[in-house]
Amino acid sequence: SGLSGSGKSIALNLLEDAAYYCVDNLPPQLLQPLVDQLGQQGYGKIAVAIDIRGGGIETLPQQLDTLRAQKHDVQFLFLDSKTETLRKRYSETRRRHPLASDERTLSESIAEERVRLARVAELGHHIDTSDLKPNALREWIRQFITANGDGHEPQTLTLSFESFGFKHGVPLNADFVF
């Protein structure tokens, strides 16, 4: 879980690459049925992003306690970021905050989300993504799943080769050009 704009999508993408079955924006009330259904289908590793968008976030602590009582290995990660960083990220992406409205500014929406998620933020491992680049966040998530018994060692290097012509310009996402 975490604040909107704190990097949950980056974390979920990394977990998906690490062979987790991933679900985004799940209402907490559907967590137990999802775990039961996917467990019956043989999925051993499940990652779920639950945040303010799904509603009912106040029931998440109880849902996690129920799963732990059923002997499920539950690891909880909360992503946070400074308000100034979140405002900058929203201005760069031009996306609308889930709590934004005509009567509420972006800063007020972020403050309201912090209040609603205060109890959830205390449930597990907390990462402040304010000063982290996406690759650094990916590495922290990778270390988190390795340290918590996943045992899966994700690939440490991925190479992508792209053919291009200088006539059309150098590829923007290239780290090295030969």
C-alpha atoms as a PDB file:
ATOM      1  CA  SER A   1       0.000   0.000   0.000  1.00  0.00           C
ATOM      2  CA  GLY A   2       1.042   3.616   0.052  1.00  0.00           C
ATOM      3  CA  LEU A   3       0.262   7.137  -0.953  1.00  0.00           C
ATOM      4  CA  SER A   4      -0.888   7.808  -4.482  1.00  0.00           C
ATOM      5  CA  GLY A   5       2.166   8.748  -6.529  1.00  0.00           C
ATOM      6  CA  SER A   6       4.661   7.102  -4.177  1.00  0.00           C
ATOM      7  CA  GLY A   7       5.758   4.350  -6.585  1.00  0.00           C
ATOM      8  CA  LYS A   8       3.324   1.465  -6.104  1.00  0.00           C
ATOM      9  CA  SER A   9       3.158   0.824  -9.866  1.00  0.00           C
ATOM     10  CA  ILE A  10       6.939   0.548 -10.069  1.00  0.00           C
ATOM     11  CA  ALA A  11       6.925  -1.890  -7.151  1.00  0.00           C
ATOM     12  CA  LEU A  12       4.088  -3.948  -8.631  1.00  0.00           C
ATOM     13  CA  ASN A  13       5.835  -4.160 -12.009  1.00  0.00           C
ATOM     14  CA  LEU A  14       9.000  -5.437 -10.359  1.00  0.00           C
ATOM     15  CA  LEU A  15       7.034  -8.014  -8.372  1.00  0.00           C
ATOM     16  CA  GLU A  16       5.323  -9.157 -11.547  1.00  0.00           C
ATOM     17  CA  ASP A  17       8.751  -9.612 -13.159  1.00  0.00           C
ATOM     18  CA  ALA A  18       9.746 -11.684 -10.094  1.00  0.00           C
ATOM     19  CA  ALA A  19       6.925 -14.175 -10.876  1.00  0.00           C
ATOM     20  CA  TYR A  20       4.295 -12.813  -8.476  1.00  0.00           C
ATOM     21  CA  TYR A  21       0.643 -12.808  -9.491  1.00  0.00           C
ATOM     22  CA  CYS A  22      -0.152  -9.087  -9.204  1.00  0.00           C
ATOM     23  CA  VAL A  23      -3.427  -7.257  -8.647  1.00  0.00           C
ATOM     24  CA  ASP A  24      -3.709  -3.471  -8.471  1.00  0.00           C
ATOM     25  CA  ASN A  25      -6.428  -1.381  -6.814  1.00  0.00           C
ATOM     26  CA  LEU A  26      -8.108  -4.234  -4.961  1.00  0.00           C
ATOM     27  CA  PRO A  27     -10.721  -3.299  -2.348  1.00  0.00           C
ATOM     28  CA  PRO A  28      -9.611  -4.773   1.000  1.00  0.00           C
ATOM     29  CA  GLN A  29     -12.875  -6.706   1.330  1.00  0.00           C
ATOM     30  CA  LEU A  30     -11.866  -8.800  -1.700  1.00  0.00           C
ATOM     31  CA  LEU A  31      -8.427  -9.732  -0.356  1.00  0.00           C
ATOM     32  CA  GLN A  32      -9.518 -12.947   1.387  1.00  0.00           C
ATOM     33  CA  PRO A  33     -11.569 -14.267  -1.578  1.00  0.00           C
ATOM     34  CA  LEU A  34      -8.682 -13.432  -3.943  1.00  0.00           C
ATOM     35  CA  VAL A  35      -6.134 -15.296  -1.813  1.00  0.00           C
ATOM     36  CA  ASP A  36      -8.489 -18.288  -1.502  1.00  0.00           C
ATOM     37  CA  GLN A  37      -9.202 -18.406  -5.234  1.00  0.00           C
ATOM     38  CA  LEU A  38      -5.598 -17.973  -6.370  1.00  0.00           C
ATOM     39  CA  GLY A  39      -4.399 -20.454  -3.736  1.00  0.00           C
ATOM     40  CA  GLN A  40      -6.796 -23.069  -5.138  1.00  0.00           C
ATOM     41  CA  GLN A  41      -5.402 -22.382  -8.601  1.00  0.00           C
ATOM     42  CA  GLY A  42      -1.857 -23.022  -7.371  1.00  0.00           C
ATOM     43  CA  TYR A  43      -0.468 -19.509  -7.239  1.00  0.00           C
ATOM     44  CA  GLY A  44       2.118 -19.388  -4.475  1.00  0.00           C
ATOM     45  CA  LYS A  45       3.238 -15.785  -4.701  1.00  0.00           C
ATOM     46  CA  ILE A  46       0.646 -13.014  -4.837  1.00  0.00           C
ATOM     47  CA  ALA A  47       1.240  -9.266  -4.690  1.00  0.00           C
ATOM     48  CA  VAL A  48      -1.704  -6.937  -4.145  1.00  0.00           C
ATOM     49  CA  ALA A  49      -1.772  -3.143  -4.207  1.00  0.00           C
ATOM     50  CA  ILE A  50      -4.463  -1.826  -1.885  1.00  0.00           C
ATOM     51  CA  ASP A  51      -4.814   1.900  -1.477  1.00  0.00           C
ATOM     52  CA  ILE A  52      -7.263   4.748  -1.132  1.00  0.00           C
ATOM     53  CA  ARG A  53      -8.801   4.171  -4.593  1.00  0.00           C
ATOM     54  CA  GLY A  54     -10.505   0.898  -3.632  1.00  0.00           C
ATOM     55  CA  GLY A  55     -12.316   2.305  -0.608  1.00  0.00           C
ATOM     56  CA  GLY A  56     -12.689   0.569   2.733  1.00  0.00           C
ATOM     57  CA  ILE A  57      -8.997   0.956   3.549  1.00  0.00           C
ATOM     58  CA  GLU A  58      -9.804   1.053   7.276  1.00  0.00           C
ATOM     59  CA  THR A  59     -10.579  -2.708   7.132  1.00  0.00           C
ATOM     60  CA  LEU A  60      -7.114  -3.630   5.814  1.00  0.00           C
ATOM     61  CA  PRO A  61      -5.482  -4.285   9.229  1.00  0.00           C
ATOM     62  CA  GLN A  62      -8.239  -6.768  10.092  1.00  0.00           C
ATOM     63  CA  GLN A  63      -7.925  -8.447   6.671  1.00  0.00           C
ATOM     64  CA  LEU A  64      -4.166  -8.894   7.132  1.00  0.00           C
ATOM     65  CA  ASP A  65      -4.634 -10.289  10.659  1.00  0.00           C
ATOM     66  CA  THR A  66      -7.129 -12.826   9.303  1.00  0.00           C
ATOM     67  CA  LEU A  67      -4.684 -13.972   6.611  1.00  0.00           C
ATOM     68  CA  ARG A  68      -1.871 -14.307   9.133  1.00  0.00           C
ATOM     69  CA  ALA A  69      -4.145 -16.321  11.453  1.00  0.00           C
ATOM     70  CA  GLN A  70      -4.710 -18.705   8.530  1.00  0.00           C
ATOM     71  CA  LYS A  71      -0.925 -19.229   8.395  1.00  0.00           C
ATOM     72  CA  HIS A  72      -0.370 -17.225   5.203  1.00  0.00           C
ATOM     73  CA  ASP A  73       3.062 -15.606   4.969  1.00  0.00           C
ATOM     74  CA  VAL A  74       2.006 -11.954   4.696  1.00  0.00           C
ATOM     75  CA  GLN A  75       4.603  -9.260   4.100  1.00  0.00           C
ATOM     76  CA  PHE A  76       3.344  -5.676   4.104  1.00  0.00           C
ATOM     77  CA  LEU A  77       5.136  -2.809   2.394  1.00  0.00           C
ATOM     78  CA  PHE A  78       4.041   0.827   2.643  1.00  0.00           C
ATOM     79  CA  LEU A  79       5.415   3.400   0.192  1.00  0.00           C
ATOM     80  CA  ASP A  80       5.449   7.009   1.304  1.00  0.00           C
ATOM     81  CA  SER A  81       6.786  10.265  -0.079  1.00  0.00           C
ATOM     82  CA  LYS A  82       7.046  13.908   0.945  1.00  0.00           C
ATOM     83  CA  THR A  83       4.146  16.132  -0.047  1.00  0.00           C
ATOM     84  CA  GLU A  84       6.369  18.372  -2.169  1.00  0.00           C
ATOM     85  CA  THR A  85       7.664  15.346  -4.091  1.00  0.00           C
ATOM     86  CA  LEU A  86       4.133  14.059  -4.672  1.00  0.00           C
ATOM     87  CA  ARG A  87       3.016  17.466  -5.942  1.00  0.00           C
ATOM     88  CA  LYS A  88       5.944  17.497  -8.354  1.00  0.00           C
ATOM     89  CA  ARG A  89       5.185  13.976  -9.576  1.00  0.00           C
ATOM     90  CA  TYR A  90       1.538  14.869 -10.179  1.00  0.00           C
ATOM     91  CA  SER A  91       2.486  17.994 -12.095  1.00  0.00           C
ATOM     92  CA  GLU A  92       4.879  15.955 -14.274  1.00  0.00           C
ATOM     93  CA  THR A  93       2.352  13.234 -15.082  1.00  0.00           C
ATOM     94  CA  ARG A  94      -0.701  15.519 -15.226  1.00  0.00           C
ATOM     95  CA  ARG A  95      -2.725  12.802 -13.573  1.00  0.00           C
ATOM     96  CA  ARG A  96      -5.489  13.582 -11.117  1.00  0.00           C
ATOM     97  CA  HIS A  97      -5.136  12.590  -7.478  1.00  0.00           C
ATOM     98  CA  PRO A  98      -7.846  10.062  -6.479  1.00  0.00           C
ATOM     99  CA  LEU A  99      -9.181  12.382  -3.760  1.00  0.00           C
ATOM    100  CA  ALA A 100      -8.964  15.578  -5.825  1.00  0.00           C
ATOM    101  CA  SER A 101     -12.133  17.543  -6.476  1.00  0.00           C
ATOM    102  CA  ASP A 102     -13.209  21.040  -7.440  1.00  0.00           C
ATOM    103  CA  GLU A 103     -13.316  21.990  -3.745  1.00  0.00           C
ATOM    104  CA  ARG A 104     -10.009  20.342  -2.733  1.00  0.00           C
ATOM    105  CA  THR A 105      -6.520  21.294  -3.910  1.00  0.00           C
ATOM    106  CA  LEU A 106      -3.814  18.735  -4.627  1.00  0.00           C
ATOM    107  CA  SER A 107      -2.046  19.513  -1.333  1.00  0.00           C
ATOM    108  CA  GLU A 108      -5.317  19.105   0.578  1.00  0.00           C
ATOM    109  CA  SER A 109      -5.972  15.809  -1.230  1.00  0.00           C
ATOM    110  CA  ILE A 110      -2.540  14.494  -0.265  1.00  0.00           C
ATOM    111  CA  ALA A 111      -3.065  15.608   3.345  1.00  0.00           C
ATOM    112  CA  GLU A 112      -6.459  13.870   3.457  1.00  0.00           C
ATOM    113  CA  GLU A 113      -4.941  10.679   2.046  1.00  0.00           C
ATOM    114  CA  ARG A 114      -2.204  10.772   4.714  1.00  0.00           C
ATOM    115  CA  VAL A 115      -4.857  10.998   7.436  1.00  0.00           C
ATOM    116  CA  ARG A 116      -6.860   8.088   6.001  1.00  0.00           C
ATOM    117  CA  LEU A 117      -3.756   5.913   5.569  1.00  0.00           C
ATOM    118  CA  ALA A 118      -2.131   6.737   8.945  1.00  0.00           C
ATOM    119  CA  ARG A 119      -3.177   3.459  10.562  1.00  0.00           C
ATOM    120  CA  VAL A 120      -2.238   1.426   7.489  1.00  0.00           C
ATOM    121  CA  ALA A 121       1.228   3.022   7.298  1.00  0.00           C
ATOM    122  CA  GLU A 122       2.148   1.390  10.607  1.00  0.00           C
ATOM    123  CA  LEU A 123       1.381  -2.176   9.510  1.00  0.00           C
ATOM    124  CA  GLY A 124       4.732  -3.164   8.050  1.00  0.00           C
ATOM    125  CA  HIS A 125       7.902  -2.130   6.291  1.00  0.00           C
ATOM    126  CA  HIS A 126       7.942   1.577   5.388  1.00  0.00           C
ATOM    127  CA  ILE A 127       9.898   3.061   2.444  1.00  0.00           C
ATOM    128  CA  ASP A 128      10.134   6.790   1.775  1.00  0.00           C
ATOM    129  CA  THR A 129      10.483   7.171  -1.995  1.00  0.00           C
ATOM    130  CA  SER A 130      10.913  10.963  -1.985  1.00  0.00           C
ATOM    131  CA  ASP A 131      14.551  10.972  -3.027  1.00  0.00           C
ATOM    132  CA  LEU A 132      14.631   7.642  -4.838  1.00  0.00           C
ATOM    133  CA  LYS A 133      14.976   7.239  -8.570  1.00  0.00           C
ATOM    134  CA  PRO A 134      12.817   4.440 -10.054  1.00  0.00           C
ATOM    135  CA  ASN A 135      15.834   2.108 -10.392  1.00  0.00           C
ATOM    136  CA  ALA A 136      16.760   2.622  -6.748  1.00  0.00           C
ATOM    137  CA  LEU A 137      13.185   1.834  -5.679  1.00  0.00           C
ATOM    138  CA  ARG A 138      13.259  -1.321  -7.798  1.00  0.00           C
ATOM    139  CA  GLU A 139      16.472  -2.381  -6.076  1.00  0.00           C
ATOM    140  CA  TRP A 140      14.974  -1.758  -2.613  1.00  0.00           C
ATOM    141  CA  ILE A 141      11.905  -3.829  -3.524  1.00  0.00           C
ATOM    142  CA  ARG A 142      14.163  -6.560  -4.914  1.00  0.00           C
ATOM    143  CA  GLN A 143      16.111  -6.612  -1.634  1.00  0.00           C
ATOM    144  CA  PHE A 144      12.863  -6.634   0.372  1.00  0.00           C
ATOM    145  CA  ILE A 145      11.495  -9.741  -1.365  1.00  0.00           C
ATOM    146  CA  THR A 146      14.863 -11.521  -1.199  1.00  0.00           C
ATOM    147  CA  ALA A 147      15.283 -10.710   2.512  1.00  0.00           C
ATOM    148  CA  ASN A 148      11.763 -11.918   3.294  1.00  0.00           C
ATOM    149  CA  GLY A 149      12.262 -15.457   2.130  1.00  0.00           C
ATOM    150  CA  ASP A 150      11.269 -15.270  -1.524  1.00  0.00           C
ATOM    151  CA  GLY A 151      14.481 -16.981  -2.537  1.00  0.00           C
ATOM    152  CA  HIS A 152      13.956 -15.789  -6.083  1.00  0.00           C
ATOM    153  CA  GLU A 153      17.009 -14.068  -7.429  1.00  0.00           C
ATOM    154  CA  PRO A 154      15.818 -11.771 -10.195  1.00  0.00           C
ATOM    155  CA  GLN A 155      18.088 -11.124 -13.118  1.00  0.00           C
ATOM    156  CA  THR A 156      20.589  -8.430 -12.347  1.00  0.00           C
ATOM    157  CA  LEU A 157      21.227  -7.329 -15.923  1.00  0.00           C
ATOM    158  CA  THR A 158      18.927  -6.926 -18.876  1.00  0.00           C
ATOM    159  CA  LEU A 159      20.248  -5.915 -22.273  1.00  0.00           C
ATOM    160  CA  SER A 160      18.044  -4.501 -25.006  1.00  0.00           C
ATOM    161  CA  PHE A 161      19.479  -3.996 -28.462  1.00  0.00           C
ATOM    162  CA  GLU A 162      17.857  -1.561 -30.833  1.00  0.00           C
ATOM    163  CA  SER A 163      18.792  -0.763 -34.377  1.00  0.00           C
ATOM    164  CA  PHE A 164      18.340   2.887 -35.367  1.00  0.00           C
ATOM    165  CA  GLY A 165      19.347   5.444 -37.931  1.00  0.00           C
ATOM    166  CA  PHE A 166      20.953   8.745 -37.020  1.00  0.00           C
ATOM    167  CA  LYS A 167      18.628  10.357 -39.559  1.00  0.00           C
ATOM    168  CA  HIS A 168      15.766   9.904 -37.085  1.00  0.00           C
ATOM    169  CA  GLY A 169      17.816  10.766 -33.998  1.00  0.00           C
ATOM    170  CA  VAL A 170      19.395   8.745 -31.227  1.00  0.00           C
ATOM    171  CA  PRO A 171      16.896   6.645 -29.197  1.00  0.00           C
ATOM    172  CA  LEU A 172      15.901   8.659 -26.136  1.00  0.00           C
ATOM    173  CA  ASN A 173      16.008   5.732 -23.710  1.00  0.00           C
ATOM    174  CA  ALA A 174      19.466   4.515 -24.743  1.00  0.00           C
ATOM    175  CA  ASP A 175      22.129   4.260 -22.058  1.00  0.00           C
ATOM    176  CA  PHE A 176      24.905   3.401 -24.506  1.00  0.00           C
ATOM    177  CA  VAL A 177      25.073   4.036 -28.251  1.00  0.00           C
ATOM    178  CA  PHE A 178      27.604   2.253 -30.449  1.00  0.00           C
END
